[in-house]
Amino acid sequence: MAKKTVASLQKGEGRTYAKVIKMVKSPKTGAYMFQETMVHNDNVKEFLAK
């Protein structure tokens, strides 16, 4: 029974945000670091294009 409950929760509209991880080069040290943010699904491509 628990499987049906979990499966039905995943079908909902609650997944409108995505965690996006972008690699950014630091201007001070020149080393690469990762920038993690929560972005709305419609704006993921715009965030990665910056």
Protein backbone atom coordinates (compact mmCIF):
# COMPACT_ATOMS: atom_id res chain seq x y z
CA MET A 1 0.00 0.00 0.00
CA ALA A 2 2.82 2.42 0.70
CA LYS A 3 4.09 2.11 -2.85
CA LYS A 4 0.80 3.38 -4.27
CA THR A 5 0.85 6.38 -1.95
CA VAL A 6 4.42 7.32 -2.86
CA ALA A 7 3.77 6.85 -6.57
CA SER A 8 0.70 9.06 -6.46
CA LEU A 9 2.62 11.87 -4.73
CA GLN A 10 5.21 11.93 -7.51
CA LYS A 11 2.58 12.57 -10.18
CA GLY A 12 1.49 15.87 -8.65
CA GLU A 13 2.45 19.38 -9.69
CA GLY A 14 4.84 19.75 -6.76
CA ARG A 15 7.88 19.37 -8.95
CA THR A 16 8.01 22.86 -10.42
CA TYR A 17 11.54 23.66 -9.22
CA ALA A 18 14.82 22.00 -10.12
CA LYS A 19 18.17 22.08 -8.35
CA VAL A 20 20.69 23.39 -10.86
CA ILE A 21 24.44 23.02 -10.34
CA LYS A 22 26.66 25.28 -12.44
CA MET A 23 30.46 25.33 -12.57
CA VAL A 24 31.82 28.88 -12.24
CA LYS A 25 35.41 30.08 -12.43
CA SER A 26 36.45 32.27 -9.51
CA PRO A 27 37.80 35.68 -10.62
CA LYS A 28 40.22 35.90 -7.65
CA THR A 29 41.91 32.49 -7.65
CA GLY A 30 41.03 31.12 -11.07
CA ALA A 31 39.80 27.89 -9.49
CA TYR A 32 36.49 26.35 -10.43
CA MET A 33 33.66 26.19 -7.89
CA PHE A 34 30.10 24.95 -8.03
CA GLN A 35 27.08 27.23 -7.68
CA GLU A 36 23.89 25.45 -6.58
CA THR A 37 20.49 27.10 -6.77
CA MET A 38 16.83 26.16 -6.94
CA VAL A 39 15.36 27.42 -10.21
CA HIS A 40 11.84 27.22 -11.63
CA ASN A 41 11.60 24.66 -14.44
CA ASP A 42 10.77 27.38 -16.99
CA ASN A 43 13.96 29.33 -16.18
CA VAL A 44 16.59 26.56 -16.19
CA LYS A 45 17.95 27.31 -19.68
CA GLU A 46 18.12 31.05 -18.93
CA PHE A 47 20.07 30.39 -15.72
CA LEU A 48 22.61 28.16 -17.47
CA ALA A 49 23.07 30.64 -20.32
CA LYS A 50 24.33 33.36 -17.96
